[in-house]
N, C-alpha and C. Protein backbone atom coordinates (compact mmCIF):
# COMPACT_ATOMS: atom_id res chain seq x y z
N MET A 1 72.42 -17.89 5.34
CA MET A 1 72.87 -19.21 5.18
C MET A 1 72.11 -20.25 6.11
N ARG A 2 71.65 -19.92 7.27
CA ARG A 2 70.98 -20.67 8.20
C ARG A 2 69.60 -21.15 7.53
N LEU A 3 68.97 -20.01 6.88
CA LEU A 3 67.62 -20.41 6.24
C LEU A 3 67.81 -21.39 5.10
N ILE A 4 68.97 -21.28 4.34
CA ILE A 4 69.16 -22.23 3.19
C ILE A 4 69.34 -23.60 3.70
N LEU A 5 70.12 -23.67 4.95
CA LEU A 5 70.21 -25.10 5.44
C LEU A 5 69.01 -25.61 6.04
N ILE A 6 68.08 -24.75 6.58
CA ILE A 6 66.82 -25.19 7.09
C ILE A 6 65.96 -25.77 5.96
N PHE A 7 65.92 -24.96 4.87
CA PHE A 7 65.10 -25.27 3.74
C PHE A 7 65.66 -26.61 3.11
N THR A 8 66.99 -26.75 3.01
CA THR A 8 67.60 -28.03 2.38
C THR A 8 67.15 -29.22 3.20
N LEU A 9 67.17 -29.05 4.56
CA LEU A 9 66.93 -30.19 5.37
C LEU A 9 65.51 -30.56 5.28
N LEU A 10 64.58 -29.62 5.29
CA LEU A 10 63.14 -29.89 5.21
C LEU A 10 62.75 -30.52 3.90
N LEU A 11 63.48 -30.00 2.83
CA LEU A 11 63.24 -30.71 1.59
C LEU A 11 63.70 -32.06 1.52
N ALA A 12 64.83 -32.31 2.14
CA ALA A 12 65.25 -33.81 2.21
C ALA A 12 64.28 -34.55 2.92
N MET A 13 63.68 -34.06 4.02
CA MET A 13 62.74 -34.76 4.83
C MET A 13 61.46 -35.02 4.02
N ALA A 14 61.15 -34.11 3.21
CA ALA A 14 59.95 -34.20 2.32
C ALA A 14 60.12 -35.30 1.36
N CYS A 15 61.32 -35.37 0.65
CA CYS A 15 61.70 -36.43 -0.25
C CYS A 15 61.53 -37.79 0.27
N SER A 16 62.09 -37.94 1.57
CA SER A 16 62.12 -39.05 2.34
C SER A 16 60.75 -39.51 2.59
N ASN A 17 59.89 -38.62 2.92
CA ASN A 17 58.40 -38.81 3.25
C ASN A 17 57.65 -39.39 2.12
N ARG A 18 58.12 -39.26 0.84
CA ARG A 18 57.44 -39.79 -0.26
C ARG A 18 57.48 -41.35 -0.23
N LYS A 19 58.40 -41.90 0.49
CA LYS A 19 58.49 -43.43 0.63
C LYS A 19 57.69 -43.77 1.82
N LYS A 20 57.10 -42.86 2.52
CA LYS A 20 56.28 -43.16 3.73
C LYS A 20 55.00 -42.44 3.62
N PRO A 21 53.87 -43.14 3.21
CA PRO A 21 52.67 -42.51 2.81
C PRO A 21 51.93 -41.79 4.00
N ASN A 22 52.33 -42.14 5.18
CA ASN A 22 51.67 -41.51 6.37
C ASN A 22 52.28 -40.13 6.69
N LYS A 23 53.32 -39.75 6.07
CA LYS A 23 54.02 -38.53 6.32
C LYS A 23 53.71 -37.43 5.32
N THR A 24 53.64 -36.12 5.81
CA THR A 24 53.32 -35.01 4.90
C THR A 24 54.54 -34.59 4.12
N GLN A 25 54.37 -34.39 2.77
CA GLN A 25 55.45 -34.01 1.93
C GLN A 25 55.53 -32.48 1.95
N THR A 26 56.79 -31.92 1.99
CA THR A 26 57.13 -30.51 2.18
C THR A 26 58.21 -30.10 1.21
N SER A 27 58.07 -28.97 0.53
CA SER A 27 58.96 -28.42 -0.32
C SER A 27 59.38 -27.09 0.17
N ILE A 28 60.61 -26.84 0.55
CA ILE A 28 60.99 -25.57 1.07
C ILE A 28 62.08 -24.93 0.19
N GLN A 29 61.88 -23.69 -0.23
CA GLN A 29 62.79 -23.01 -1.03
C GLN A 29 63.30 -21.62 -0.52
N ASN A 30 62.41 -20.86 0.26
CA ASN A 30 62.68 -19.53 0.74
C ASN A 30 61.97 -19.27 1.92
N THR A 31 62.04 -18.07 2.48
CA THR A 31 61.37 -17.75 3.66
C THR A 31 59.93 -17.83 3.61
N LYS A 32 59.28 -17.44 2.49
CA LYS A 32 57.88 -17.51 2.32
C LYS A 32 57.41 -18.98 2.38
N ASP A 33 58.25 -19.92 1.87
CA ASP A 33 57.90 -21.35 1.89
C ASP A 33 57.93 -21.84 3.33
N LEU A 34 58.95 -21.39 4.09
CA LEU A 34 59.04 -21.75 5.52
C LEU A 34 57.86 -21.28 6.37
N ILE A 35 57.44 -20.08 6.07
CA ILE A 35 56.23 -19.59 6.69
C ILE A 35 54.96 -20.40 6.19
N ALA A 36 54.97 -20.73 4.93
CA ALA A 36 53.68 -21.48 4.53
C ALA A 36 53.70 -22.94 5.20
N VAL A 37 54.89 -23.49 5.47
CA VAL A 37 54.99 -24.72 6.12
C VAL A 37 54.45 -24.56 7.49
N LEU A 38 54.84 -23.45 8.22
CA LEU A 38 54.40 -23.27 9.59
C LEU A 38 52.86 -22.91 9.63
N ASP A 39 52.44 -22.31 8.57
CA ASP A 39 50.90 -22.02 8.43
C ASP A 39 50.17 -23.32 8.28
N THR A 40 50.69 -24.23 7.63
CA THR A 40 50.12 -25.59 7.43
C THR A 40 50.19 -26.40 8.84
N ILE A 41 51.31 -26.23 9.54
CA ILE A 41 51.41 -26.92 10.73
C ILE A 41 50.30 -26.39 11.75
N TRP A 42 50.25 -25.03 11.77
CA TRP A 42 49.22 -24.42 12.58
C TRP A 42 47.77 -24.86 12.36
N ARG A 43 47.41 -24.78 11.02
CA ARG A 43 46.10 -25.25 10.66
C ARG A 43 45.79 -26.70 10.97
N THR A 44 46.71 -27.59 10.64
CA THR A 44 46.48 -29.06 10.96
C THR A 44 46.60 -29.37 12.42
N GLU A 45 47.25 -28.56 13.21
CA GLU A 45 47.38 -28.71 14.63
C GLU A 45 46.10 -28.18 15.34
N GLN A 46 45.62 -27.04 14.87
CA GLN A 46 44.58 -26.36 15.63
C GLN A 46 43.11 -26.72 15.11
N GLU A 47 42.95 -26.89 13.86
CA GLU A 47 41.64 -27.15 13.43
C GLU A 47 40.89 -28.28 14.12
N PRO A 48 41.56 -29.42 14.32
CA PRO A 48 40.92 -30.67 15.01
C PRO A 48 40.71 -30.32 16.49
N ILE A 49 41.58 -29.43 17.10
CA ILE A 49 41.29 -29.10 18.45
C ILE A 49 40.13 -28.17 18.71
N THR A 50 40.03 -27.25 17.81
CA THR A 50 38.84 -26.26 17.72
C THR A 50 37.57 -27.08 17.52
N LEU A 51 37.54 -27.94 16.60
CA LEU A 51 36.34 -28.72 16.30
C LEU A 51 36.07 -29.64 17.49
N ARG A 52 37.14 -30.32 18.04
CA ARG A 52 36.95 -31.26 19.14
C ARG A 52 36.24 -30.51 20.28
N ASP A 53 36.86 -29.39 20.54
CA ASP A 53 36.34 -28.52 21.75
C ASP A 53 34.86 -28.10 21.60
N SER A 54 34.49 -27.78 20.32
CA SER A 54 33.10 -27.33 20.07
C SER A 54 32.17 -28.56 20.26
N LEU A 55 32.72 -29.77 19.81
CA LEU A 55 31.92 -31.02 20.00
C LEU A 55 31.75 -31.49 21.43
N ILE A 56 32.79 -31.11 22.26
CA ILE A 56 32.63 -31.39 23.77
C ILE A 56 31.44 -30.70 24.29
N GLU A 57 31.21 -29.48 23.94
CA GLU A 57 30.06 -28.72 24.54
C GLU A 57 28.79 -29.32 23.96
N LYS A 58 28.74 -29.95 22.76
CA LYS A 58 27.55 -30.44 22.21
C LYS A 58 27.20 -31.92 22.61
N TYR A 59 28.37 -32.79 22.61
CA TYR A 59 28.11 -34.24 22.87
C TYR A 59 28.80 -34.70 24.09
N GLY A 60 29.64 -33.99 24.79
CA GLY A 60 30.33 -34.47 25.86
C GLY A 60 31.78 -34.96 25.62
N VAL A 61 32.67 -34.87 26.60
CA VAL A 61 34.04 -35.17 26.33
C VAL A 61 34.24 -36.63 25.99
N GLU A 62 33.42 -37.49 26.36
CA GLU A 62 33.64 -38.99 26.09
C GLU A 62 32.99 -39.44 24.88
N SER A 63 32.33 -38.61 24.10
CA SER A 63 31.51 -39.02 22.95
C SER A 63 32.34 -39.53 21.78
N LYS A 64 31.80 -40.29 20.91
CA LYS A 64 32.54 -40.84 19.76
C LYS A 64 32.95 -39.77 18.80
N GLU A 65 32.12 -38.61 18.76
CA GLU A 65 32.42 -37.41 17.86
C GLU A 65 33.73 -36.80 18.29
N VAL A 66 33.78 -36.68 19.76
CA VAL A 66 34.98 -36.03 20.22
C VAL A 66 36.21 -36.85 20.05
N GLN A 67 36.04 -38.11 20.36
CA GLN A 67 37.16 -39.08 20.15
C GLN A 67 37.66 -39.12 18.69
N GLY A 68 36.74 -38.97 17.78
CA GLY A 68 37.13 -39.03 16.39
C GLY A 68 38.09 -37.91 15.97
N GLN A 69 37.68 -36.75 16.49
CA GLN A 69 38.50 -35.54 16.24
C GLN A 69 39.94 -35.59 17.01
N GLN A 70 39.89 -36.26 18.09
CA GLN A 70 41.07 -36.36 18.92
C GLN A 70 42.09 -37.20 18.17
N GLU A 71 41.56 -38.27 17.55
CA GLU A 71 42.45 -39.14 16.72
C GLU A 71 43.03 -38.41 15.51
N ILE A 72 42.27 -37.59 14.78
CA ILE A 72 42.80 -36.82 13.75
C ILE A 72 43.91 -35.80 14.23
N TYR A 73 43.58 -35.20 15.38
CA TYR A 73 44.63 -34.37 15.95
C TYR A 73 45.82 -34.99 16.32
N GLU A 74 45.82 -36.20 16.77
CA GLU A 74 47.07 -36.87 17.33
C GLU A 74 47.90 -37.36 16.04
N ARG A 75 47.21 -37.71 15.03
CA ARG A 75 47.86 -38.17 13.74
C ARG A 75 48.70 -36.81 13.16
N ASN A 76 47.98 -35.74 13.17
CA ASN A 76 48.55 -34.57 12.67
C ASN A 76 49.64 -34.04 13.50
N HIS A 77 49.52 -34.12 14.81
CA HIS A 77 50.49 -33.72 15.75
C HIS A 77 51.80 -34.50 15.52
N ALA A 78 51.72 -35.75 15.44
CA ALA A 78 52.94 -36.54 15.20
C ALA A 78 53.79 -36.04 14.02
N ILE A 79 53.04 -35.74 12.96
CA ILE A 79 53.73 -35.18 11.76
C ILE A 79 54.37 -33.72 12.00
N ASN A 80 53.57 -32.85 12.63
CA ASN A 80 54.08 -31.52 12.97
C ASN A 80 55.20 -31.49 13.91
N GLU A 81 55.14 -32.38 14.89
CA GLU A 81 56.19 -32.48 15.87
C GLU A 81 57.65 -32.86 15.05
N ARG A 82 57.55 -33.75 14.19
CA ARG A 82 58.76 -34.03 13.43
C ARG A 82 59.34 -32.90 12.76
N LYS A 83 58.50 -32.21 12.10
CA LYS A 83 58.91 -30.98 11.31
C LYS A 83 59.59 -29.93 12.24
N VAL A 84 58.89 -29.75 13.31
CA VAL A 84 59.42 -28.66 14.30
C VAL A 84 60.73 -29.19 14.85
N LYS A 85 60.91 -30.32 15.19
CA LYS A 85 62.23 -30.97 15.72
C LYS A 85 63.30 -30.79 14.72
N VAL A 86 63.01 -31.00 13.40
CA VAL A 86 64.06 -30.88 12.39
C VAL A 86 64.66 -29.40 12.38
N ILE A 87 63.78 -28.40 12.50
CA ILE A 87 64.25 -27.02 12.46
C ILE A 87 64.99 -26.76 13.79
N LEU A 88 64.38 -27.02 14.96
CA LEU A 88 65.02 -26.57 16.20
C LEU A 88 66.36 -27.41 16.41
N ASP A 89 66.33 -28.73 16.13
CA ASP A 89 67.63 -29.52 16.52
C ASP A 89 68.71 -29.10 15.76
N LYS A 90 68.60 -28.69 14.50
CA LYS A 90 69.69 -28.33 13.66
C LYS A 90 70.11 -26.89 13.61
N TYR A 91 69.11 -25.95 13.78
CA TYR A 91 69.51 -24.62 13.66
C TYR A 91 69.03 -23.60 14.69
N GLY A 92 68.44 -24.20 15.81
CA GLY A 92 68.03 -23.21 16.89
C GLY A 92 66.72 -22.53 16.48
N TRP A 93 66.35 -21.56 17.36
CA TRP A 93 65.17 -20.92 17.13
C TRP A 93 65.18 -19.80 16.01
N PRO A 94 64.38 -19.98 14.99
CA PRO A 94 64.43 -18.95 13.88
C PRO A 94 64.19 -17.55 14.38
N GLY A 95 63.31 -17.26 15.32
CA GLY A 95 63.03 -15.94 15.69
C GLY A 95 61.93 -15.23 14.88
N LYS A 96 61.23 -14.27 15.57
CA LYS A 96 60.14 -13.56 15.00
C LYS A 96 60.59 -12.73 13.83
N ASP A 97 61.90 -12.36 13.69
CA ASP A 97 62.37 -11.57 12.62
C ASP A 97 62.35 -12.31 11.28
N ILE A 98 62.39 -13.72 11.47
CA ILE A 98 62.34 -14.54 10.28
C ILE A 98 60.87 -15.14 10.02
N ILE A 99 60.30 -15.54 11.09
CA ILE A 99 59.01 -16.37 10.98
C ILE A 99 57.84 -15.54 11.55
N GLY A 100 58.03 -14.35 12.12
CA GLY A 100 56.91 -13.62 12.69
C GLY A 100 56.36 -14.21 13.99
N GLU A 101 55.47 -13.43 14.56
CA GLU A 101 54.88 -13.91 15.80
C GLU A 101 54.06 -15.06 15.70
N GLN A 102 53.29 -15.31 14.55
CA GLN A 102 52.53 -16.39 14.25
C GLN A 102 53.40 -17.68 14.13
N GLY A 103 54.55 -17.42 13.53
CA GLY A 103 55.51 -18.60 13.47
C GLY A 103 55.97 -19.14 14.81
N ASN A 104 56.34 -18.19 15.63
CA ASN A 104 56.68 -18.52 16.99
C ASN A 104 55.58 -19.23 17.79
N TRP A 105 54.42 -18.69 17.55
CA TRP A 105 53.24 -19.33 18.29
C TRP A 105 53.08 -20.76 17.74
N THR A 106 53.26 -20.95 16.41
CA THR A 106 53.07 -22.40 15.85
C THR A 106 54.13 -23.32 16.49
N ILE A 107 55.31 -22.97 16.51
CA ILE A 107 56.41 -23.88 17.04
C ILE A 107 56.11 -24.13 18.50
N CYS A 108 55.80 -22.96 19.27
CA CYS A 108 55.53 -23.28 20.75
C CYS A 108 54.27 -24.11 20.99
N ASN A 109 53.27 -23.96 20.07
CA ASN A 109 52.13 -24.71 20.26
C ASN A 109 52.33 -26.24 20.13
N VAL A 110 53.24 -26.52 19.18
CA VAL A 110 53.49 -28.03 18.83
C VAL A 110 54.29 -28.50 20.08
N ILE A 111 55.26 -27.75 20.58
CA ILE A 111 55.99 -28.12 21.70
C ILE A 111 55.02 -28.28 23.00
N GLN A 112 54.20 -27.43 23.10
CA GLN A 112 53.16 -27.45 24.17
C GLN A 112 52.42 -28.74 24.14
N HIS A 113 51.97 -29.18 22.93
CA HIS A 113 51.15 -30.34 22.80
C HIS A 113 51.95 -31.63 22.89
N SER A 114 53.28 -31.59 23.01
CA SER A 114 54.11 -32.81 22.95
C SER A 114 54.24 -33.36 24.37
N ASP A 115 54.98 -34.51 24.56
CA ASP A 115 55.28 -35.09 25.79
C ASP A 115 56.25 -34.16 26.56
N ASN A 116 56.21 -34.34 27.87
CA ASN A 116 57.04 -33.55 28.71
C ASN A 116 58.52 -33.72 28.39
N GLU A 117 59.01 -34.82 27.91
CA GLU A 117 60.30 -34.96 27.44
C GLU A 117 60.68 -33.99 26.41
N ILE A 118 59.74 -33.73 25.51
CA ILE A 118 60.08 -32.77 24.41
C ILE A 118 60.17 -31.36 25.01
N ARG A 119 59.13 -31.08 25.92
CA ARG A 119 59.09 -29.66 26.50
C ARG A 119 60.48 -29.43 27.22
N ILE A 120 60.90 -30.44 28.15
CA ILE A 120 61.92 -30.26 28.93
C ILE A 120 63.27 -30.03 28.08
N LYS A 121 63.24 -30.81 26.97
CA LYS A 121 64.50 -30.73 26.01
C LYS A 121 64.61 -29.32 25.36
N TYR A 122 63.45 -28.77 25.09
CA TYR A 122 63.54 -27.38 24.34
C TYR A 122 63.39 -26.30 25.32
N LEU A 123 63.13 -26.52 26.63
CA LEU A 123 62.96 -25.39 27.50
C LEU A 123 64.19 -24.44 27.56
N PRO A 124 65.46 -24.91 27.64
CA PRO A 124 66.62 -23.99 27.61
C PRO A 124 66.56 -23.11 26.36
N MET A 125 66.19 -23.70 25.18
CA MET A 125 66.18 -23.04 23.97
C MET A 125 65.03 -21.88 23.99
N ILE A 126 63.97 -22.21 24.59
CA ILE A 126 62.87 -21.21 24.69
C ILE A 126 63.31 -20.10 25.62
N ARG A 127 64.06 -20.44 26.83
CA ARG A 127 64.47 -19.46 27.63
C ARG A 127 65.44 -18.51 26.94
N GLN A 128 66.26 -19.00 26.16
CA GLN A 128 67.28 -18.21 25.53
C GLN A 128 66.64 -17.38 24.52
N ALA A 129 65.64 -17.88 23.77
CA ALA A 129 64.88 -17.10 22.79
C ALA A 129 64.21 -15.89 23.42
N VAL A 130 63.65 -16.06 24.60
CA VAL A 130 63.02 -15.02 25.32
C VAL A 130 64.08 -13.91 25.73
N LYS A 131 65.17 -14.42 26.21
CA LYS A 131 66.27 -13.59 26.70
C LYS A 131 66.75 -12.80 25.53
N ASP A 132 66.81 -13.31 24.30
CA ASP A 132 67.30 -12.67 23.14
C ASP A 132 66.23 -11.88 22.41
N LYS A 133 65.12 -11.73 23.00
CA LYS A 133 63.98 -11.00 22.49
C LYS A 133 63.37 -11.57 21.18
N LYS A 134 63.58 -12.91 20.99
CA LYS A 134 63.10 -13.54 19.79
C LYS A 134 61.64 -14.14 20.10
N LEU A 135 61.31 -14.16 21.42
CA LEU A 135 60.05 -14.86 21.78
C LEU A 135 59.47 -14.07 22.94
N HIS A 136 58.06 -13.98 22.88
CA HIS A 136 57.29 -13.37 23.96
C HIS A 136 57.35 -14.27 25.21
N PRO A 137 57.50 -13.65 26.36
CA PRO A 137 57.56 -14.45 27.69
C PRO A 137 56.37 -15.43 27.94
N ARG A 138 55.14 -15.04 27.30
CA ARG A 138 54.01 -15.87 27.58
C ARG A 138 54.22 -17.27 27.02
N PHE A 139 55.09 -17.50 26.07
CA PHE A 139 55.43 -18.80 25.59
C PHE A 139 56.27 -19.61 26.43
N LEU A 140 57.11 -18.92 27.17
CA LEU A 140 57.97 -19.56 28.29
C LEU A 140 56.98 -20.00 29.36
N VAL A 141 56.14 -19.15 29.80
CA VAL A 141 55.19 -19.43 30.87
C VAL A 141 54.40 -20.65 30.57
N ARG A 142 53.76 -20.77 29.29
CA ARG A 142 53.03 -21.93 28.96
C ARG A 142 53.81 -23.30 29.16
N THR A 143 55.03 -23.21 28.69
CA THR A 143 55.84 -24.42 28.72
C THR A 143 56.18 -24.77 30.13
N GLU A 144 56.58 -23.84 30.98
CA GLU A 144 56.98 -24.10 32.40
C GLU A 144 55.75 -24.61 33.18
N ASP A 145 54.58 -24.00 33.04
CA ASP A 145 53.41 -24.49 33.70
C ASP A 145 53.01 -25.86 33.23
N ARG A 146 53.13 -26.11 31.90
CA ARG A 146 52.81 -27.48 31.50
C ARG A 146 53.76 -28.59 31.99
N ILE A 147 54.99 -28.18 32.00
CA ILE A 147 56.02 -29.16 32.66
C ILE A 147 55.72 -29.50 34.04
N ALA A 148 55.27 -28.42 34.79
CA ALA A 148 55.02 -28.54 36.24
C ALA A 148 53.77 -29.45 36.40
N THR A 149 52.71 -29.18 35.57
CA THR A 149 51.41 -30.06 35.75
C THR A 149 51.71 -31.43 35.42
N GLU A 150 52.46 -31.70 34.29
CA GLU A 150 52.80 -33.06 34.01
C GLU A 150 53.57 -33.73 35.04
N ARG A 151 54.45 -33.04 35.74
CA ARG A 151 55.22 -33.67 36.83
C ARG A 151 54.42 -33.85 38.11
N GLY A 152 53.16 -33.34 38.18
CA GLY A 152 52.33 -33.46 39.30
C GLY A 152 52.72 -32.32 40.40
N ASP A 153 53.32 -31.24 39.90
CA ASP A 153 53.63 -30.15 40.73
C ASP A 153 52.60 -29.03 40.58
N LEU A 154 52.55 -28.04 41.58
CA LEU A 154 51.76 -26.89 41.36
C LEU A 154 52.30 -26.01 40.35
N GLN A 155 51.35 -25.50 39.48
CA GLN A 155 51.75 -24.55 38.43
C GLN A 155 52.05 -23.20 39.01
N ILE A 156 52.74 -22.36 38.22
CA ILE A 156 53.15 -21.06 38.73
C ILE A 156 52.38 -19.92 38.30
N TYR A 157 51.95 -20.02 37.03
CA TYR A 157 51.25 -18.80 36.41
C TYR A 157 49.76 -19.05 36.11
N GLY A 158 49.23 -20.27 36.25
CA GLY A 158 47.86 -20.48 36.06
C GLY A 158 47.29 -20.78 34.73
N GLY A 159 48.24 -21.06 33.74
CA GLY A 159 47.71 -21.29 32.43
C GLY A 159 47.20 -22.53 31.99
N GLN A 160 47.28 -23.55 32.92
CA GLN A 160 46.84 -24.96 32.57
C GLN A 160 45.57 -25.28 33.26
N MET A 161 44.62 -25.89 32.41
CA MET A 161 43.36 -26.35 32.94
C MET A 161 43.37 -27.80 32.97
N LYS A 162 42.48 -28.46 33.73
CA LYS A 162 42.50 -29.98 33.70
C LYS A 162 41.00 -30.35 33.78
N TYR A 163 40.65 -31.43 33.06
CA TYR A 163 39.34 -32.13 33.06
C TYR A 163 39.28 -32.94 34.23
N TYR A 164 38.24 -32.78 35.11
CA TYR A 164 38.09 -33.62 36.30
C TYR A 164 36.90 -34.62 36.17
N PRO A 165 37.21 -35.81 35.78
CA PRO A 165 35.99 -36.81 35.61
C PRO A 165 35.07 -36.83 36.67
N GLU A 166 35.43 -36.71 37.90
CA GLU A 166 34.59 -36.73 39.10
C GLU A 166 33.41 -35.77 39.04
N THR A 167 33.78 -34.52 38.47
CA THR A 167 32.79 -33.47 38.38
C THR A 167 32.37 -33.25 36.96
N LYS A 168 33.06 -33.90 36.07
CA LYS A 168 32.78 -33.88 34.59
C LYS A 168 32.86 -32.34 34.05
N SER A 169 33.99 -31.67 34.62
CA SER A 169 34.07 -30.29 34.27
C SER A 169 35.58 -29.98 34.24
N PHE A 170 35.92 -28.76 33.68
CA PHE A 170 37.29 -28.22 33.67
C PHE A 170 37.53 -27.26 34.88
N ASN A 171 38.79 -27.29 35.34
CA ASN A 171 39.09 -26.37 36.36
C ASN A 171 40.62 -26.10 36.17
N VAL A 172 41.07 -24.96 36.87
CA VAL A 172 42.52 -24.68 36.86
C VAL A 172 43.29 -25.69 37.63
N TRP A 173 44.41 -26.15 37.04
CA TRP A 173 45.26 -27.03 37.76
C TRP A 173 45.71 -26.21 38.97
N PRO A 174 45.86 -26.88 40.18
CA PRO A 174 46.15 -26.09 41.35
C PRO A 174 47.47 -25.25 41.26
N VAL A 175 47.36 -24.05 41.79
CA VAL A 175 48.38 -23.05 41.58
C VAL A 175 49.22 -22.83 42.85
N PHE A 176 50.52 -22.66 42.76
CA PHE A 176 51.35 -22.23 43.87
C PHE A 176 51.02 -20.83 44.29
N ASP A 177 50.79 -20.67 45.55
CA ASP A 177 50.50 -19.34 46.25
C ASP A 177 49.43 -18.58 45.30
N PRO A 178 48.31 -18.96 45.30
CA PRO A 178 47.21 -18.30 44.42
C PRO A 178 47.02 -16.86 44.85
N VAL A 179 47.25 -16.38 46.07
CA VAL A 179 47.14 -15.10 46.48
C VAL A 179 48.01 -14.13 45.65
N ASN A 180 49.28 -14.54 45.35
CA ASN A 180 50.13 -13.65 44.65
C ASN A 180 50.33 -14.01 43.23
N ILE A 181 49.35 -14.77 42.52
CA ILE A 181 49.57 -15.17 41.15
C ILE A 181 49.52 -13.93 40.23
N ASP A 182 48.75 -12.93 40.52
CA ASP A 182 48.70 -11.76 39.67
C ASP A 182 50.05 -11.04 39.71
N LYS A 183 50.63 -10.97 40.91
CA LYS A 183 51.93 -10.29 41.02
C LYS A 183 53.01 -10.96 40.13
N ARG A 184 52.99 -12.31 40.13
CA ARG A 184 53.95 -13.09 39.41
C ARG A 184 53.77 -12.86 37.87
N ARG A 185 52.51 -12.91 37.67
CA ARG A 185 52.15 -12.66 36.11
C ARG A 185 52.49 -11.34 35.65
N ALA A 186 52.21 -10.32 36.57
CA ALA A 186 52.56 -8.89 36.19
C ALA A 186 54.05 -8.69 35.93
N GLU A 187 54.90 -9.36 36.74
CA GLU A 187 56.35 -9.24 36.65
C GLU A 187 56.87 -9.68 35.30
N ILE A 188 56.17 -10.50 34.67
CA ILE A 188 56.64 -10.91 33.27
C ILE A 188 55.74 -10.36 32.17
N GLY A 189 54.88 -9.45 32.54
CA GLY A 189 54.14 -8.73 31.54
C GLY A 189 52.86 -9.45 31.10
N LEU A 190 52.34 -10.24 31.96
CA LEU A 190 51.01 -10.98 31.70
C LEU A 190 49.86 -10.30 32.31
N GLU A 191 48.71 -10.41 31.74
CA GLU A 191 47.48 -9.83 32.29
C GLU A 191 47.08 -10.67 33.50
N PRO A 192 46.13 -10.12 34.43
CA PRO A 192 45.65 -10.81 35.59
C PRO A 192 45.04 -12.22 35.18
N ILE A 193 45.21 -13.18 36.14
CA ILE A 193 44.75 -14.48 35.84
C ILE A 193 43.21 -14.46 35.45
N SER A 194 42.41 -13.66 36.17
CA SER A 194 41.04 -13.59 35.91
C SER A 194 40.68 -13.26 34.40
N GLU A 195 41.42 -12.26 33.87
CA GLU A 195 41.24 -11.87 32.58
C GLU A 195 41.68 -13.01 31.52
N PHE A 196 42.76 -13.59 31.84
CA PHE A 196 43.30 -14.64 31.00
C PHE A 196 42.35 -15.82 30.89
N LEU A 197 41.83 -16.23 32.04
CA LEU A 197 40.92 -17.38 32.01
C LEU A 197 39.59 -17.06 31.36
N LYS A 198 39.16 -15.93 31.53
CA LYS A 198 37.88 -15.52 30.90
C LYS A 198 38.00 -15.43 29.42
N SER A 199 39.08 -14.88 28.96
CA SER A 199 39.22 -14.69 27.45
C SER A 199 39.65 -16.14 26.84
N ARG A 200 40.42 -16.83 27.51
CA ARG A 200 40.94 -18.08 26.92
C ARG A 200 40.03 -19.20 27.08
N PHE A 201 39.41 -19.36 28.23
CA PHE A 201 38.54 -20.58 28.58
C PHE A 201 37.14 -20.20 28.95
N ASN A 202 36.77 -18.92 29.00
CA ASN A 202 35.47 -18.59 29.45
C ASN A 202 35.26 -19.10 30.92
N PHE A 203 36.18 -19.04 31.75
CA PHE A 203 36.23 -19.61 33.10
C PHE A 203 36.40 -18.49 34.09
N GLU A 204 35.65 -18.56 35.12
CA GLU A 204 35.67 -17.44 36.17
C GLU A 204 36.73 -17.89 37.30
N TRP A 205 37.69 -17.01 37.52
CA TRP A 205 38.64 -17.16 38.59
C TRP A 205 37.93 -16.92 39.89
N ASN A 206 38.05 -17.89 40.84
CA ASN A 206 37.51 -17.71 42.31
C ASN A 206 38.66 -17.89 43.20
N LEU A 207 39.24 -16.82 43.72
CA LEU A 207 40.51 -16.95 44.50
C LEU A 207 40.22 -17.89 45.71
N GLU A 208 39.07 -17.68 46.51
CA GLU A 208 38.96 -18.53 47.63
C GLU A 208 38.85 -20.02 47.24
N GLU A 209 38.21 -20.31 46.22
CA GLU A 209 38.13 -21.67 45.73
C GLU A 209 39.49 -22.19 45.43
N GLN A 210 40.36 -21.39 44.66
CA GLN A 210 41.55 -21.91 44.30
C GLN A 210 42.57 -22.03 45.48
N ILE A 211 42.44 -21.10 46.51
CA ILE A 211 43.23 -21.37 47.68
C ILE A 211 42.96 -22.62 48.36
N LYS A 212 41.68 -23.03 48.47
CA LYS A 212 41.21 -24.21 49.04
C LYS A 212 41.71 -25.49 48.26
N ARG A 213 41.62 -25.37 46.84
CA ARG A 213 42.12 -26.47 46.05
C ARG A 213 43.59 -26.65 46.10
N THR A 214 44.33 -25.61 46.23
CA THR A 214 45.79 -25.73 46.46
C THR A 214 46.12 -26.36 47.72
N SER A 215 45.43 -25.93 48.74
CA SER A 215 45.71 -26.52 50.14
C SER A 215 45.40 -28.03 50.10
N GLU A 216 44.33 -28.42 49.55
CA GLU A 216 43.96 -29.80 49.41
C GLU A 216 44.96 -30.59 48.53
N PHE A 217 45.43 -30.00 47.47
CA PHE A 217 46.52 -30.62 46.63
C PHE A 217 47.81 -30.90 47.44
N GLU A 218 48.20 -29.83 48.25
CA GLU A 218 49.39 -30.10 48.94
C GLU A 218 49.23 -31.06 50.08
N LYS A 219 48.18 -31.05 50.68
CA LYS A 219 47.96 -32.16 51.77
C LYS A 219 47.87 -33.49 51.18
N ASP A 220 47.36 -33.61 49.98
CA ASP A 220 47.35 -34.99 49.25
C ASP A 220 48.75 -35.40 48.93
N ARG A 221 49.62 -34.51 48.46
CA ARG A 221 51.00 -34.86 48.09
C ARG A 221 51.68 -35.24 49.34
N ILE A 222 51.47 -34.57 50.45
CA ILE A 222 52.19 -34.97 51.72
C ILE A 222 51.74 -36.40 52.16
N LYS A 223 50.46 -36.64 51.99
CA LYS A 223 49.96 -37.91 52.22
C LYS A 223 50.59 -39.02 51.49
N LYS A 224 50.83 -38.68 50.23
CA LYS A 224 51.39 -39.65 49.30
C LYS A 224 52.93 -39.83 49.49
N GLY A 225 53.44 -38.80 50.22
CA GLY A 225 54.88 -38.87 50.46
C GLY A 225 55.75 -38.22 49.25
N LYS A 226 55.14 -37.27 48.66
CA LYS A 226 55.87 -36.66 47.52
C LYS A 226 56.51 -35.34 47.96
């Protein structure tokens, strides 16, 4: 019954979108169609990001080529966010038994790319989905770290990178207690931070450097009265 309601609502949204040319039209009839919609969301969300990142290496982060792909991504994301909110607001988390691991990844990815207001809104739902074994803990970690960095706090698990204009390079957003980060990650079933950063960003984790960066971050916060 829940799936039928999801399909009906998304179909209604698709019909409404015909009157709005900038929105994607969607027809939902069964589980396969729901998965197909999520596949489309994944593709339109990720392809511009992948191309943008490859162009960064070739032309630089401030190039017109990179900015062009960023604009495409932002347009696509606005559409994808609306679709994901329709599902979650009305019917809760579908779960991997319905949409599979890729479907979970797709929904979490859209939330991850949204504003902090959206992440905070869905954080309790994500926590419950993890508790109910519908969602892998790594998705919760990504959301919690992103919320922390957007607030200007130290991140807990080290999943968030930041572009630093002064050095024109990416680095890990400063981490709370870097010495024990692998212990925290292991407790929730994640690989060591060095392995994660190498596979995900091709970035080398340097503990001494990160300890120094965290210390400087905390001193700066004290100075600013935060």
